Protein backbone atom coordinates (compact mmCIF):
# COMPACT_ATOMS: atom_id res chain seq x y z
CA MET A 1 20.18 33.76 8.55
CA THR A 2 19.01 30.15 8.33
CA GLU A 3 15.61 29.97 6.64
CA ILE A 4 13.30 27.06 7.49
CA LEU A 5 10.00 26.18 5.83
CA VAL A 6 7.58 24.15 7.96
CA THR A 7 4.56 22.48 6.38
CA GLY A 8 1.59 21.18 8.35
CA ALA A 9 2.30 23.84 10.95
CA LYS A 10 -1.14 23.67 12.57
CA GLY A 11 -0.82 19.99 13.45
CA GLN A 12 0.58 18.54 16.65
CA LEU A 13 4.25 18.59 15.66
CA GLY A 14 4.03 21.84 13.72
CA SER A 15 2.41 23.56 16.70
CA GLU A 16 5.22 22.36 18.97
CA LEU A 17 7.81 23.66 16.50
CA GLN A 18 6.10 27.03 16.50
CA GLY A 19 6.39 27.21 20.27
CA LEU A 20 10.06 26.28 20.24
CA SER A 21 11.06 28.55 17.35
CA VAL A 22 11.49 31.55 19.68
CA ARG A 23 14.52 29.82 21.17
CA TYR A 24 16.33 30.17 17.86
CA PRO A 25 16.45 33.91 17.07
CA SER A 26 19.09 33.43 14.36
CA TRP A 27 16.77 31.12 12.42
CA SER A 28 13.89 32.40 10.32
CA PHE A 29 10.87 30.09 10.33
CA MET A 30 8.02 30.20 7.85
CA PHE A 31 5.08 28.18 9.16
CA THR A 32 2.53 27.08 6.57
CA ASP A 33 -0.54 24.87 6.41
CA ILE A 34 -3.14 24.01 3.80
CA ASP A 35 -4.68 27.48 4.05
CA THR A 36 -1.41 29.17 3.01
CA LEU A 37 0.43 26.55 0.94
CA ASP A 38 -0.82 23.64 -1.14
CA ILE A 39 2.03 21.13 -1.07
CA THR A 40 0.07 18.75 -3.33
CA ASN A 41 0.58 21.13 -6.25
CA LEU A 42 4.13 21.47 -7.56
CA GLN A 43 3.41 24.73 -9.42
CA SER A 44 1.99 26.31 -6.27
CA LEU A 45 5.04 25.18 -4.33
CA GLU A 46 7.45 26.59 -6.90
CA LYS A 47 5.61 29.90 -7.00
CA PHE A 48 5.55 30.11 -3.19
CA CYS A 49 9.28 29.44 -2.93
CA THR A 50 10.33 31.82 -5.71
CA GLY A 51 12.62 34.50 -4.30
CA ARG A 52 13.05 32.66 -1.01
CA LYS A 53 16.17 30.81 0.09
CA PHE A 54 15.11 27.95 2.31
CA GLN A 55 17.96 25.87 3.75
CA TYR A 56 15.57 23.42 5.41
CA ILE A 57 12.09 22.07 4.73
CA ILE A 58 10.40 20.29 7.63
CA ASN A 59 7.42 18.33 6.37
CA CYS A 60 4.97 17.85 9.23
CA ALA A 61 1.99 17.57 6.87
CA ALA A 62 0.39 14.15 6.50
CA TYR A 63 -2.87 12.34 5.91
CA THR A 64 -3.20 10.54 9.25
CA ALA A 65 -6.80 9.26 9.26
CA VAL A 66 -5.67 5.63 9.39
CA ASP A 67 -9.08 4.00 8.94
CA LYS A 68 -10.40 6.52 6.40
CA ALA A 69 -7.32 5.93 4.26
CA GLU A 70 -8.72 2.51 3.39
CA THR A 71 -11.44 4.24 1.35
CA GLU A 72 -9.87 7.68 0.75
CA LEU A 73 -6.82 6.18 -0.92
CA GLU A 74 -6.40 8.86 -3.58
CA MET A 75 -6.28 11.64 -1.01
CA ALA A 76 -3.93 9.68 1.24
CA TYR A 77 -1.50 9.09 -1.65
CA LEU A 78 -1.74 12.72 -2.75
CA ILE A 79 -0.63 14.00 0.65
CA ASN A 80 1.60 11.18 1.89
CA ARG A 81 3.40 10.34 -1.36
CA ASP A 82 2.93 12.95 -4.09
CA ALA A 83 3.43 15.97 -1.84
CA VAL A 84 6.65 14.45 -0.51
CA LYS A 85 7.86 14.04 -4.10
CA TYR A 86 7.12 17.71 -4.79
CA LEU A 87 8.80 18.87 -1.58
CA ALA A 88 11.88 16.83 -2.49
CA THR A 89 11.86 18.52 -5.91
CA ILE A 90 11.71 21.96 -4.28
CA ALA A 91 14.45 21.00 -1.82
CA SER A 92 16.62 19.92 -4.73
CA GLN A 93 16.03 23.20 -6.55
CA HIS A 94 17.06 25.17 -3.45
CA ASN A 95 19.82 22.74 -2.36
CA ALA A 96 17.88 22.53 0.90
CA ILE A 97 17.68 19.70 3.41
CA LEU A 98 14.33 17.90 3.59
CA ILE A 99 13.27 16.61 7.01
CA HIS A 100 10.30 14.32 6.52
CA ILE A 101 8.20 12.64 9.22
CA SER A 102 7.12 9.05 8.74
CA THR A 103 5.51 6.33 10.84
CA ASP A 104 5.72 2.92 12.51
CA TYR A 105 2.94 1.78 10.17
CA VAL A 106 5.53 1.07 7.47
CA PHE A 107 6.32 -2.11 9.45
CA ASP A 108 4.02 -5.12 9.76
CA GLY A 109 4.30 -5.23 13.56
CA THR A 110 5.26 -8.91 13.73
CA SER A 111 8.70 -8.36 15.27
CA CYS A 112 9.51 -9.21 18.88
CA GLU A 113 12.55 -6.94 19.00
CA PRO A 114 12.69 -3.14 18.58
CA TYR A 115 12.73 -2.15 14.92
CA THR A 116 15.94 -0.70 13.53
CA GLU A 117 16.18 1.56 10.50
CA PHE A 118 17.77 -1.27 8.52
CA GLN A 119 14.88 -3.73 8.74
CA THR A 120 12.62 -4.40 5.75
CA ILE A 121 9.35 -2.51 5.75
CA ASN A 122 6.07 -4.32 5.12
CA PRO A 123 3.04 -2.03 5.60
CA GLN A 124 -0.28 -3.77 6.26
CA SER A 125 -2.68 -0.84 5.79
CA ALA A 126 -3.44 1.73 3.10
CA TYR A 127 -2.09 4.45 5.38
CA GLY A 128 1.12 2.49 5.92
CA ARG A 129 1.58 1.92 2.19
CA THR A 130 1.13 5.62 1.39
CA LYS A 131 3.67 6.58 4.03
CA ALA A 132 6.10 3.92 2.79
CA ASP A 133 5.83 5.32 -0.73
CA GLY A 134 6.42 8.80 0.67
CA GLU A 135 9.65 7.57 2.23
CA LYS A 136 10.74 6.20 -1.13
CA GLU A 137 10.14 9.59 -2.76
CA ALA A 138 12.11 11.39 -0.05
CA LEU A 139 15.00 8.95 -0.32
CA LYS A 140 15.39 9.74 -4.03
CA TYR A 141 16.77 13.09 -2.87
CA SER A 142 20.26 12.77 -1.38
CA GLN A 143 19.73 15.38 1.34
CA SER A 144 16.67 13.88 2.99
CA VAL A 145 16.38 13.06 6.67
CA ILE A 146 13.43 10.78 7.42
CA ILE A 147 12.24 10.46 11.01
CA ARG A 148 9.85 7.64 11.78
CA THR A 149 7.76 8.15 14.88
CA ALA A 150 4.83 6.45 16.61
CA TRP A 151 1.86 7.08 18.90
CA LEU A 152 2.20 10.87 18.67
CA TYR A 153 0.35 13.05 21.18
CA SER A 154 0.47 16.63 22.48
CA GLU A 155 -1.67 19.43 23.88
CA PHE A 156 -2.67 20.24 20.30
CA GLY A 157 -5.10 18.63 17.88
CA ASN A 158 -6.74 15.25 18.29
CA ASN A 159 -4.80 12.39 19.87
CA PHE A 160 -5.08 9.45 22.25
CA VAL A 161 -4.29 11.42 25.40
CA LYS A 162 -6.95 14.05 24.79
CA THR A 163 -9.46 11.38 23.77
CA MET A 164 -8.84 9.45 27.00
CA LEU A 165 -9.25 12.62 29.05
CA ARG A 166 -12.55 13.38 27.36
CA LEU A 167 -13.97 9.86 27.55
CA GLY A 168 -12.62 9.37 31.06
CA ALA A 169 -14.71 12.32 32.19
CA GLU A 170 -17.82 10.89 30.53
CA ARG A 171 -17.67 7.19 31.39
CA ASN A 172 -17.11 4.86 34.32
CA GLU A 173 -15.05 2.39 32.32
CA LEU A 174 -13.32 2.21 28.96
CA ARG A 175 -12.20 -0.83 26.98
CA VAL A 176 -8.65 -0.45 25.63
CA VAL A 177 -6.54 -2.96 23.70
CA PHE A 178 -3.62 -4.51 25.57
CA ASP A 179 -2.09 -6.59 22.76
CA GLN A 180 -0.77 -3.68 20.70
CA VAL A 181 2.58 -2.61 22.10
CA GLY A 182 4.74 0.41 21.33
CA THR A 183 6.00 3.66 22.80
CA PRO A 184 4.13 6.98 22.98
CA THR A 185 5.85 10.02 21.52
CA TYR A 186 5.34 13.48 23.00
CA ALA A 187 5.37 15.84 20.01
CA ALA A 188 7.29 18.41 22.06
CA ASP A 189 10.18 15.95 22.45
CA LEU A 190 10.15 15.15 18.74
CA ALA A 191 10.21 18.88 17.93
CA VAL A 192 13.26 19.34 20.17
CA ALA A 193 14.95 16.45 18.37
CA ILE A 194 14.25 17.95 14.94
CA LEU A 195 15.71 21.31 15.92
CA SER A 196 18.71 19.54 17.47
CA ILE A 197 19.25 17.79 14.12
CA ILE A 198 19.19 21.14 12.32
CA ASP A 199 21.62 22.59 14.86
CA ASP A 200 23.95 19.62 14.34
CA THR A 201 23.63 19.95 10.56
CA GLU A 202 24.56 23.63 10.72
CA LYS A 203 27.79 22.68 12.47
CA GLN A 204 28.74 19.36 10.86
CA GLY A 205 26.78 19.05 7.64
CA VAL A 206 23.82 16.90 6.68
CA LYS A 207 23.64 13.27 7.83
CA PRO A 208 20.89 11.94 5.56
CA GLY A 209 18.95 8.72 5.97
CA ILE A 210 16.23 7.18 8.10
CA TYR A 211 16.05 7.61 11.87
CA HIS A 212 13.67 6.29 14.52
CA PHE A 213 12.31 8.47 17.30
CA SER A 214 9.82 7.85 20.10
CA ASN A 215 10.06 8.28 23.82
CA GLU A 216 11.93 5.63 25.82
CA GLY A 217 10.27 2.56 27.28
CA VAL A 218 7.49 0.23 26.18
CA CYS A 219 3.77 0.01 26.92
CA SER A 220 0.45 -1.14 25.51
CA TRP A 221 -2.45 1.15 24.70
CA TYR A 222 -4.08 -0.18 27.88
CA ASP A 223 -1.00 0.79 29.93
CA PHE A 224 -1.05 4.20 28.30
CA ALA A 225 -4.71 4.77 29.17
CA TRP A 226 -4.26 3.44 32.69
CA GLU A 227 -1.43 5.90 33.32
CA ILE A 228 -3.53 8.82 32.04
CA PHE A 229 -6.45 7.90 34.32
CA ASN A 230 -4.15 7.31 37.29
CA PHE A 231 -2.30 10.60 36.94
CA THR A 232 -5.52 12.60 36.59
CA HIS A 233 -7.29 10.69 39.40
CA SER A 234 -10.04 9.77 36.98
CA LYS A 235 -12.86 7.58 38.23
CA CYS A 236 -12.93 5.85 34.85
CA LYS A 237 -11.52 2.33 34.86
CA ALA A 238 -9.48 1.02 31.93
CA ILE A 239 -10.54 -2.50 30.92
CA PRO A 240 -7.97 -4.50 28.88
CA ILE A 241 -9.31 -6.16 25.72
CA GLU A 242 -7.81 -7.95 22.71
CA SER A 243 -7.55 -6.31 19.30
CA LYS A 244 -10.03 -8.84 17.89
CA ASP A 245 -12.63 -7.41 20.27
CA TYR A 246 -12.16 -3.94 18.79
CA PRO A 247 -12.12 -4.42 14.99
CA THR A 248 -11.05 -1.49 12.81
CA PRO A 249 -11.01 -1.01 9.01
CA ALA A 250 -7.21 -0.68 9.00
CA LYS A 251 -4.90 -3.26 10.54
CA ARG A 252 -2.73 -1.87 13.35
CA PRO A 253 0.82 -3.09 14.02
CA ALA A 254 0.83 -5.36 17.07
CA TYR A 255 4.39 -4.30 17.87
CA SER A 256 5.69 -0.77 17.22
CA VAL A 257 8.74 -0.44 19.44
CA PHE A 258 11.67 1.42 17.88
CA ASN A 259 15.39 0.96 18.39
CA LYS A 260 16.60 4.56 18.70
CA THR A 261 20.32 3.95 18.96
CA LYS A 262 21.05 5.53 15.58
CA ILE A 263 19.42 8.92 16.23
CA LYS A 264 20.83 9.12 19.77
CA GLN A 265 24.40 8.37 18.72
CA THR A 266 24.37 10.37 15.47
CA PHE A 267 22.95 13.57 16.94
CA HIS A 268 23.76 13.10 20.64
CA ILE A 269 20.09 13.30 21.58
CA GLU A 270 18.78 12.37 25.03
CA ILE A 271 15.24 10.99 24.93
CA PRO A 272 12.92 11.17 27.97
CA TYR A 273 11.05 8.16 29.37
CA TRP A 274 7.47 7.98 28.11
CA LYS A 275 5.81 8.45 31.51
CA THR A 276 7.94 11.52 32.27
CA SER A 277 6.85 13.17 29.04
CA LEU A 278 3.23 12.09 29.49
CA TYR A 279 3.12 13.78 32.90
CA ARG A 280 4.51 16.98 31.37
CA CYS A 281 1.79 16.98 28.74
CA LEU A 282 -0.97 16.18 31.24
CA ASP A 283 0.25 18.98 33.51
CA ALA A 284 0.05 21.40 30.60
CA LEU A 285 -3.43 20.21 29.61
CA ILE A 286 -4.71 20.46 33.18
CA LYS A 287 -3.37 24.00 33.52
CA THR A 288 -5.16 25.14 30.37
CA LYS A 289 -8.57 23.88 31.51
C-alpha cells in the first residue's frame, strides 16, 4: 500500500486532500497538522516517522501571513525554510518523494508575460524570500516536486472569496485593487493535480523539479471580487482602485500569471478556467450556509 504523509492538513489545500483521499482506497494517508506533528523540529519528525514507510510527503504547511512576515521573520523562516529542510531530510531517509507547495511571491511581478519555471526568481517581500529559500532547500533533495501556486481559495479557512462574501454582506461598496493581475487557484483543483502527479509517479517514476499551477485565465483582484458579487447577486459594488491607494506592509507582485505548459504536458493534467472553478466553490459555500 502506498503511504502518504500530509502536513498542514487543516489548511485549505490539506482539507481538500482529505476530502479527495477517499477516492484512493489503495493509498494510505496520514494527515497531520501542528497539533499532531511539529515539522519545525527534526527530532520530532524523525521520531514520528520511525517505523513508518512513507513513499510520499506532501507539504501543505506554510507561514502565509504575508504582511506579518515582515515583522515575524524568524517564525516565517522556521516554517517556510527550516521545516522544508527537515522534511527533505526525512524524505531522503525514507527514499520518499517530497511534494512541496510554493508561491508566486518568489517572483518580483514585473513581467508582462506568464512566468515559466525557468525564469529567475526575485522575491520582493519577507514572505517571498522565506518561500524562495524553502524552494532551495527542497531542491537539494533529488526527489522533490515543487508546485508554485497563486491566489489560493476554497471553502476552508480564510481566503479572498470568503472575505468578499462576508464584507459584501456588510457593505454597500468595497474598494479593490485593479492593477495586480494573476489567476485564482481553487484548492480543490490543486489537490486533484497533486494526486494526479502521485498517480503518474506510481506508474512512470518521479519527475522532479518545479511546476506552476493555477486555474486558467487572467484577472485582477477587482475582476475577482466583481465576479463573486455578480454570481451571488450581492448588492455590494466593487470599486476599482490602484495599489498605491491601498498600502500594505509587504509588497505584492503586480503580475502573477503562470505559464502552466510544463505541468499540463508532463502529467497530462487538464486545468479548469478560473470562473468555472469559482462558481463551483461559491455553490458549495452557498449550500453550506
